Amino acid sequence: EIQTDELPKLLIDGLIQLEDRHFYDHIGVSPSGIMRSMVNNLKVVSGITPNGTMQGGSTLSMGLARNLLGINRKRTLFGKIQEIILALRIEIRYSKSEILSTYLGRVHFGRLAIGIGSASEAYFGKPL
């Protein structure tokens, strides 16, 4: 497993800025993030924002939970509830550094790359 102290700070900071700006401030779930994405997505679906993009309200911990549970991309209310419960359990049991390490080691980064090490090989042809 990858340790966060082995990674460039810029990589960690970039991931947090792109995926979960409040990672260090929440307990695995961001109610404001979920509400923001719901409002935005309703605007897109209803045509109020016709060229808008659908947004997700998940945190890194919720993404890790989804990955660990094997929940598919077709979201259901039951799947989202499972994801939230597991994200909360992850946050209680593990440090933020451990969550980031696990996330970076297990999440899909495209091009059949599972984990940041595989992504580095797939995209740049170099080991992490």
N, C-alpha and C. Protein backbone atom coordinates (compact mmCIF):
# COMPACT_ATOMS: atom_id res chain seq x y z
N GLU A 1 0.84 -1.19 0.00
CA GLU A 1 0.00 0.00 0.00
C GLU A 1 0.88 1.24 0.00
N ILE A 2 0.40 2.25 -0.64
CA ILE A 2 1.13 3.51 -0.79
C ILE A 2 0.98 4.34 0.48
N GLN A 3 2.07 4.93 0.92
CA GLN A 3 2.02 5.83 2.06
C GLN A 3 2.00 7.27 1.54
N THR A 4 1.17 8.09 2.13
CA THR A 4 1.03 9.46 1.63
C THR A 4 2.32 10.26 1.76
N ASP A 5 3.16 9.93 2.74
CA ASP A 5 4.41 10.68 2.89
C ASP A 5 5.42 10.34 1.79
N GLU A 6 5.14 9.30 0.99
CA GLU A 6 5.99 8.92 -0.14
C GLU A 6 5.59 9.66 -1.41
N LEU A 7 4.47 10.35 -1.38
CA LEU A 7 3.94 11.01 -2.57
C LEU A 7 4.24 12.50 -2.55
N PRO A 8 4.35 13.10 -3.73
CA PRO A 8 4.56 14.55 -3.78
C PRO A 8 3.37 15.29 -3.14
N LYS A 9 3.66 16.31 -2.38
CA LYS A 9 2.62 17.11 -1.73
C LYS A 9 1.66 17.69 -2.77
N LEU A 10 2.19 18.05 -3.93
CA LEU A 10 1.37 18.61 -5.00
C LEU A 10 0.29 17.61 -5.46
N LEU A 11 0.64 16.33 -5.50
CA LEU A 11 -0.34 15.30 -5.88
C LEU A 11 -1.46 15.22 -4.86
N ILE A 12 -1.11 15.18 -3.59
CA ILE A 12 -2.12 15.10 -2.52
C ILE A 12 -2.98 16.36 -2.53
N ASP A 13 -2.35 17.52 -2.59
CA ASP A 13 -3.09 18.79 -2.60
C ASP A 13 -4.01 18.89 -3.81
N GLY A 14 -3.53 18.45 -4.97
CA GLY A 14 -4.34 18.49 -6.18
C GLY A 14 -5.54 17.58 -6.09
N LEU A 15 -5.33 16.36 -5.59
CA LEU A 15 -6.44 15.42 -5.42
C LEU A 15 -7.51 16.00 -4.50
N ILE A 16 -7.08 16.56 -3.40
CA ILE A 16 -8.03 17.12 -2.43
C ILE A 16 -8.77 18.31 -3.04
N GLN A 17 -8.06 19.17 -3.76
CA GLN A 17 -8.72 20.33 -4.39
C GLN A 17 -9.74 19.90 -5.44
N LEU A 18 -9.42 18.89 -6.20
CA LEU A 18 -10.32 18.44 -7.27
C LEU A 18 -11.49 17.61 -6.76
N GLU A 19 -11.23 16.75 -5.79
CA GLU A 19 -12.23 15.77 -5.40
C GLU A 19 -12.96 16.05 -4.10
N ASP A 20 -12.31 16.73 -3.16
CA ASP A 20 -12.93 16.87 -1.83
C ASP A 20 -12.23 17.98 -1.04
N ARG A 21 -12.55 19.22 -1.38
CA ARG A 21 -11.87 20.37 -0.76
C ARG A 21 -11.94 20.40 0.75
N HIS A 22 -12.95 19.81 1.32
CA HIS A 22 -13.13 19.85 2.77
C HIS A 22 -12.78 18.52 3.43
N PHE A 23 -11.92 17.75 2.78
CA PHE A 23 -11.55 16.42 3.27
C PHE A 23 -11.13 16.42 4.74
N TYR A 24 -10.33 17.38 5.12
CA TYR A 24 -9.81 17.40 6.49
C TYR A 24 -10.81 17.99 7.49
N ASP A 25 -11.94 18.50 7.01
CA ASP A 25 -12.90 19.17 7.88
C ASP A 25 -14.19 18.39 8.11
N HIS A 26 -14.43 17.31 7.40
CA HIS A 26 -15.69 16.58 7.56
C HIS A 26 -15.45 15.19 8.15
N ILE A 27 -16.54 14.52 8.46
CA ILE A 27 -16.46 13.19 9.08
C ILE A 27 -16.78 12.08 8.08
N GLY A 28 -16.47 12.31 6.82
CA GLY A 28 -16.68 11.29 5.79
C GLY A 28 -17.85 11.59 4.88
N VAL A 29 -18.74 12.44 5.34
CA VAL A 29 -19.92 12.82 4.57
C VAL A 29 -20.03 14.34 4.64
N SER A 30 -20.38 14.93 3.51
CA SER A 30 -20.54 16.38 3.47
C SER A 30 -21.99 16.70 3.11
N PRO A 31 -22.82 16.93 4.13
CA PRO A 31 -24.23 17.25 3.83
C PRO A 31 -24.36 18.45 2.89
N SER A 32 -23.52 19.47 3.06
CA SER A 32 -23.60 20.63 2.18
C SER A 32 -23.21 20.25 0.75
N GLY A 33 -22.24 19.36 0.59
CA GLY A 33 -21.85 18.91 -0.74
C GLY A 33 -22.95 18.11 -1.42
N ILE A 34 -23.63 17.27 -0.65
CA ILE A 34 -24.74 16.49 -1.20
C ILE A 34 -25.88 17.41 -1.61
N MET A 35 -26.21 18.39 -0.76
CA MET A 35 -27.29 19.32 -1.08
C MET A 35 -26.93 20.17 -2.30
N ARG A 36 -25.69 20.65 -2.37
CA ARG A 36 -25.25 21.46 -3.50
C ARG A 36 -25.39 20.66 -4.80
N SER A 37 -24.96 19.41 -4.79
CA SER A 37 -25.03 18.61 -6.01
C SER A 37 -26.49 18.30 -6.37
N MET A 38 -27.34 18.07 -5.37
CA MET A 38 -28.75 17.81 -5.66
C MET A 38 -29.41 19.01 -6.33
N VAL A 39 -29.16 20.21 -5.79
CA VAL A 39 -29.74 21.43 -6.36
C VAL A 39 -29.22 21.63 -7.78
N ASN A 40 -27.92 21.50 -7.96
CA ASN A 40 -27.32 21.67 -9.29
C ASN A 40 -27.90 20.65 -10.27
N ASN A 41 -27.98 19.39 -9.87
CA ASN A 41 -28.45 18.34 -10.76
C ASN A 41 -29.92 18.52 -11.11
N LEU A 42 -30.73 19.00 -10.17
CA LEU A 42 -32.13 19.30 -10.46
C LEU A 42 -32.24 20.41 -11.50
N LYS A 43 -31.38 21.42 -11.41
CA LYS A 43 -31.37 22.50 -12.39
C LYS A 43 -31.00 21.98 -13.78
N VAL A 44 -30.03 21.06 -13.84
CA VAL A 44 -29.61 20.51 -15.12
C VAL A 44 -30.73 19.65 -15.71
N VAL A 45 -31.29 18.76 -14.90
CA VAL A 45 -32.34 17.85 -15.37
C VAL A 45 -33.60 18.61 -15.79
N SER A 46 -33.95 19.66 -15.06
CA SER A 46 -35.16 20.41 -15.36
C SER A 46 -34.99 21.39 -16.52
N GLY A 47 -33.76 21.59 -16.96
CA GLY A 47 -33.51 22.48 -18.08
C GLY A 47 -33.22 23.92 -17.67
N ILE A 48 -33.23 24.20 -16.37
CA ILE A 48 -32.91 25.55 -15.90
C ILE A 48 -31.48 25.91 -16.28
N THR A 49 -30.59 24.93 -16.18
CA THR A 49 -29.19 25.10 -16.60
C THR A 49 -28.94 24.07 -17.70
N PRO A 50 -29.40 24.34 -18.93
CA PRO A 50 -29.37 23.33 -19.99
C PRO A 50 -27.98 22.83 -20.38
N ASN A 51 -26.99 23.67 -20.27
CA ASN A 51 -25.63 23.24 -20.64
C ASN A 51 -24.80 22.87 -19.42
N GLY A 52 -25.45 22.71 -18.29
CA GLY A 52 -24.74 22.39 -17.05
C GLY A 52 -24.26 20.95 -17.01
N THR A 53 -23.41 20.69 -16.08
CA THR A 53 -22.86 19.36 -15.89
C THR A 53 -23.37 18.78 -14.59
N MET A 54 -23.71 17.52 -14.61
CA MET A 54 -24.16 16.84 -13.39
C MET A 54 -22.97 16.80 -12.42
N GLN A 55 -23.26 17.00 -11.14
CA GLN A 55 -22.21 17.00 -10.11
C GLN A 55 -22.46 15.89 -9.12
N GLY A 56 -21.38 15.44 -8.52
CA GLY A 56 -21.48 14.47 -7.44
C GLY A 56 -21.26 15.18 -6.11
N GLY A 57 -21.81 14.66 -5.05
CA GLY A 57 -21.64 15.25 -3.74
C GLY A 57 -20.82 14.37 -2.82
N SER A 58 -20.13 13.41 -3.40
CA SER A 58 -19.38 12.45 -2.60
C SER A 58 -18.07 13.03 -2.11
N THR A 59 -17.65 12.53 -0.97
CA THR A 59 -16.34 12.85 -0.41
C THR A 59 -15.36 11.75 -0.83
N LEU A 60 -14.08 11.95 -0.56
CA LEU A 60 -13.11 10.89 -0.83
C LEU A 60 -13.45 9.63 -0.05
N SER A 61 -13.90 9.80 1.18
CA SER A 61 -14.27 8.65 2.02
C SER A 61 -15.46 7.90 1.43
N MET A 62 -16.42 8.64 0.87
CA MET A 62 -17.56 8.00 0.23
C MET A 62 -17.13 7.28 -1.05
N GLY A 63 -16.19 7.87 -1.79
CA GLY A 63 -15.66 7.22 -2.98
C GLY A 63 -14.94 5.94 -2.63
N LEU A 64 -14.18 5.96 -1.56
CA LEU A 64 -13.50 4.76 -1.10
C LEU A 64 -14.52 3.71 -0.66
N ALA A 65 -15.54 4.14 0.06
CA ALA A 65 -16.59 3.21 0.50
C ALA A 65 -17.27 2.58 -0.70
N ARG A 66 -17.60 3.38 -1.69
CA ARG A 66 -18.25 2.88 -2.91
C ARG A 66 -17.36 1.84 -3.58
N ASN A 67 -16.07 2.13 -3.63
CA ASN A 67 -15.11 1.22 -4.24
C ASN A 67 -15.02 -0.08 -3.44
N LEU A 68 -14.94 0.01 -2.13
CA LEU A 68 -14.84 -1.18 -1.28
C LEU A 68 -16.09 -2.04 -1.32
N LEU A 69 -17.25 -1.38 -1.42
CA LEU A 69 -18.52 -2.10 -1.48
C LEU A 69 -18.79 -2.68 -2.86
N GLY A 70 -18.06 -2.19 -3.85
CA GLY A 70 -18.30 -2.64 -5.21
C GLY A 70 -19.61 -2.11 -5.78
N ILE A 71 -20.03 -0.96 -5.27
CA ILE A 71 -21.27 -0.35 -5.76
C ILE A 71 -21.01 0.16 -7.16
N ASN A 72 -21.89 -0.21 -8.07
CA ASN A 72 -21.68 0.21 -9.46
C ASN A 72 -22.04 1.67 -9.66
N ARG A 73 -21.75 2.18 -10.82
CA ARG A 73 -21.96 3.60 -11.11
C ARG A 73 -23.45 3.95 -11.20
N LYS A 74 -24.32 2.95 -11.36
CA LYS A 74 -25.75 3.20 -11.40
C LYS A 74 -26.22 3.38 -9.96
N ARG A 75 -26.40 4.61 -9.56
CA ARG A 75 -26.65 4.91 -8.16
C ARG A 75 -28.11 4.69 -7.80
N THR A 76 -28.27 4.11 -6.63
CA THR A 76 -29.61 3.94 -6.06
C THR A 76 -29.60 4.53 -4.67
N LEU A 77 -30.78 4.80 -4.13
CA LEU A 77 -30.87 5.33 -2.78
C LEU A 77 -30.27 4.34 -1.78
N PHE A 78 -30.56 3.06 -1.94
CA PHE A 78 -30.02 2.04 -1.03
C PHE A 78 -28.49 2.02 -1.11
N GLY A 79 -27.93 2.10 -2.31
CA GLY A 79 -26.48 2.11 -2.48
C GLY A 79 -25.86 3.33 -1.84
N LYS A 80 -26.51 4.50 -1.99
CA LYS A 80 -25.99 5.74 -1.40
C LYS A 80 -26.01 5.65 0.13
N ILE A 81 -27.05 5.06 0.70
CA ILE A 81 -27.13 4.90 2.15
C ILE A 81 -26.02 3.98 2.64
N GLN A 82 -25.79 2.87 1.94
CA GLN A 82 -24.69 1.97 2.29
C GLN A 82 -23.35 2.70 2.25
N GLU A 83 -23.17 3.48 1.20
CA GLU A 83 -21.94 4.24 1.00
C GLU A 83 -21.72 5.23 2.15
N ILE A 84 -22.75 5.92 2.55
CA ILE A 84 -22.65 6.90 3.65
C ILE A 84 -22.31 6.22 4.95
N ILE A 85 -22.98 5.11 5.25
CA ILE A 85 -22.71 4.38 6.50
C ILE A 85 -21.27 3.88 6.54
N LEU A 86 -20.80 3.30 5.44
CA LEU A 86 -19.42 2.81 5.41
C LEU A 86 -18.42 3.95 5.48
N ALA A 87 -18.71 5.07 4.83
CA ALA A 87 -17.81 6.23 4.90
C ALA A 87 -17.67 6.72 6.34
N LEU A 88 -18.77 6.76 7.06
CA LEU A 88 -18.72 7.18 8.47
C LEU A 88 -17.90 6.19 9.29
N ARG A 89 -18.08 4.90 9.04
CA ARG A 89 -17.31 3.88 9.77
C ARG A 89 -15.82 3.98 9.44
N ILE A 90 -15.50 4.24 8.19
CA ILE A 90 -14.10 4.41 7.78
C ILE A 90 -13.48 5.59 8.52
N GLU A 91 -14.20 6.70 8.58
CA GLU A 91 -13.69 7.91 9.24
C GLU A 91 -13.47 7.70 10.74
N ILE A 92 -14.32 6.90 11.36
CA ILE A 92 -14.17 6.63 12.79
C ILE A 92 -12.95 5.76 13.06
N ARG A 93 -12.71 4.82 12.18
CA ARG A 93 -11.66 3.83 12.42
C ARG A 93 -10.27 4.23 11.93
N TYR A 94 -10.20 5.01 10.86
CA TYR A 94 -8.91 5.29 10.24
C TYR A 94 -8.57 6.78 10.24
N SER A 95 -7.28 7.07 10.20
CA SER A 95 -6.83 8.47 10.12
C SER A 95 -7.04 8.98 8.70
N LYS A 96 -6.99 10.29 8.54
CA LYS A 96 -7.13 10.89 7.21
C LYS A 96 -6.00 10.41 6.29
N SER A 97 -4.80 10.26 6.83
CA SER A 97 -3.68 9.77 6.04
C SER A 97 -3.91 8.34 5.57
N GLU A 98 -4.45 7.49 6.43
CA GLU A 98 -4.74 6.11 6.05
C GLU A 98 -5.85 6.05 5.00
N ILE A 99 -6.82 6.92 5.12
CA ILE A 99 -7.91 6.97 4.14
C ILE A 99 -7.35 7.37 2.78
N LEU A 100 -6.52 8.41 2.76
CA LEU A 100 -5.91 8.84 1.49
C LEU A 100 -5.05 7.74 0.88
N SER A 101 -4.25 7.07 1.71
CA SER A 101 -3.38 5.99 1.22
C SER A 101 -4.21 4.89 0.58
N THR A 102 -5.26 4.49 1.26
CA THR A 102 -6.11 3.41 0.74
C THR A 102 -6.82 3.85 -0.53
N TYR A 103 -7.35 5.07 -0.51
CA TYR A 103 -8.02 5.61 -1.69
C TYR A 103 -7.08 5.59 -2.90
N LEU A 104 -5.88 6.13 -2.71
CA LEU A 104 -4.92 6.21 -3.81
C LEU A 104 -4.45 4.84 -4.28
N GLY A 105 -4.52 3.85 -3.42
CA GLY A 105 -4.09 2.52 -3.79
C GLY A 105 -5.17 1.66 -4.43
N ARG A 106 -6.46 2.06 -4.31
CA ARG A 106 -7.54 1.18 -4.76
C ARG A 106 -8.51 1.77 -5.77
N VAL A 107 -8.49 3.06 -5.95
CA VAL A 107 -9.51 3.69 -6.80
C VAL A 107 -9.10 3.62 -8.27
N HIS A 108 -10.09 3.54 -9.14
CA HIS A 108 -9.90 3.45 -10.58
C HIS A 108 -9.55 4.83 -11.15
N PHE A 109 -8.45 4.90 -11.87
CA PHE A 109 -7.99 6.16 -12.46
C PHE A 109 -8.10 6.16 -13.98
N GLY A 110 -8.90 5.27 -14.54
CA GLY A 110 -9.05 5.20 -15.99
C GLY A 110 -7.98 4.32 -16.61
N ARG A 111 -8.14 4.03 -17.92
CA ARG A 111 -7.17 3.20 -18.64
C ARG A 111 -6.86 1.90 -17.92
N LEU A 112 -7.83 1.32 -17.30
CA LEU A 112 -7.66 0.07 -16.55
C LEU A 112 -6.66 0.20 -15.41
N ALA A 113 -6.43 1.40 -14.93
CA ALA A 113 -5.47 1.65 -13.86
C ALA A 113 -6.19 1.66 -12.52
N ILE A 114 -5.87 0.69 -11.70
CA ILE A 114 -6.40 0.64 -10.35
C ILE A 114 -5.28 1.09 -9.43
N GLY A 115 -5.45 2.21 -8.77
CA GLY A 115 -4.44 2.75 -7.88
C GLY A 115 -3.52 3.71 -8.61
N ILE A 116 -2.92 4.59 -7.83
CA ILE A 116 -2.07 5.65 -8.38
C ILE A 116 -0.80 5.10 -9.03
N GLY A 117 -0.29 3.99 -8.51
CA GLY A 117 0.90 3.37 -9.10
C GLY A 117 0.63 2.88 -10.52
N SER A 118 -0.49 2.20 -10.72
CA SER A 118 -0.88 1.73 -12.05
C SER A 118 -1.16 2.91 -12.98
N ALA A 119 -1.76 3.96 -12.43
CA ALA A 119 -2.06 5.14 -13.24
C ALA A 119 -0.77 5.80 -13.72
N SER A 120 0.23 5.85 -12.87
CA SER A 120 1.51 6.43 -13.26
C SER A 120 2.13 5.64 -14.42
N GLU A 121 2.06 4.32 -14.32
CA GLU A 121 2.58 3.46 -15.39
C GLU A 121 1.76 3.65 -16.67
N ALA A 122 0.43 3.66 -16.53
CA ALA A 122 -0.46 3.74 -17.70
C ALA A 122 -0.34 5.08 -18.43
N TYR A 123 -0.28 6.15 -17.68
CA TYR A 123 -0.29 7.48 -18.30
C TYR A 123 1.09 8.02 -18.65
N PHE A 124 2.09 7.67 -17.83
CA PHE A 124 3.41 8.26 -18.04
C PHE A 124 4.50 7.25 -18.35
N GLY A 125 4.16 5.95 -18.26
CA GLY A 125 5.15 4.91 -18.55
C GLY A 125 6.26 4.87 -17.53
N LYS A 126 5.99 5.37 -16.32
CA LYS A 126 7.01 5.43 -15.28
C LYS A 126 6.42 4.93 -13.96
N PRO A 127 7.27 4.29 -13.15
CA PRO A 127 6.77 3.88 -11.82
C PRO A 127 6.52 5.11 -10.95
N LEU A 128 5.64 4.95 -10.01
CA LEU A 128 5.31 6.06 -9.12
C LEU A 128 6.54 6.57 -8.39
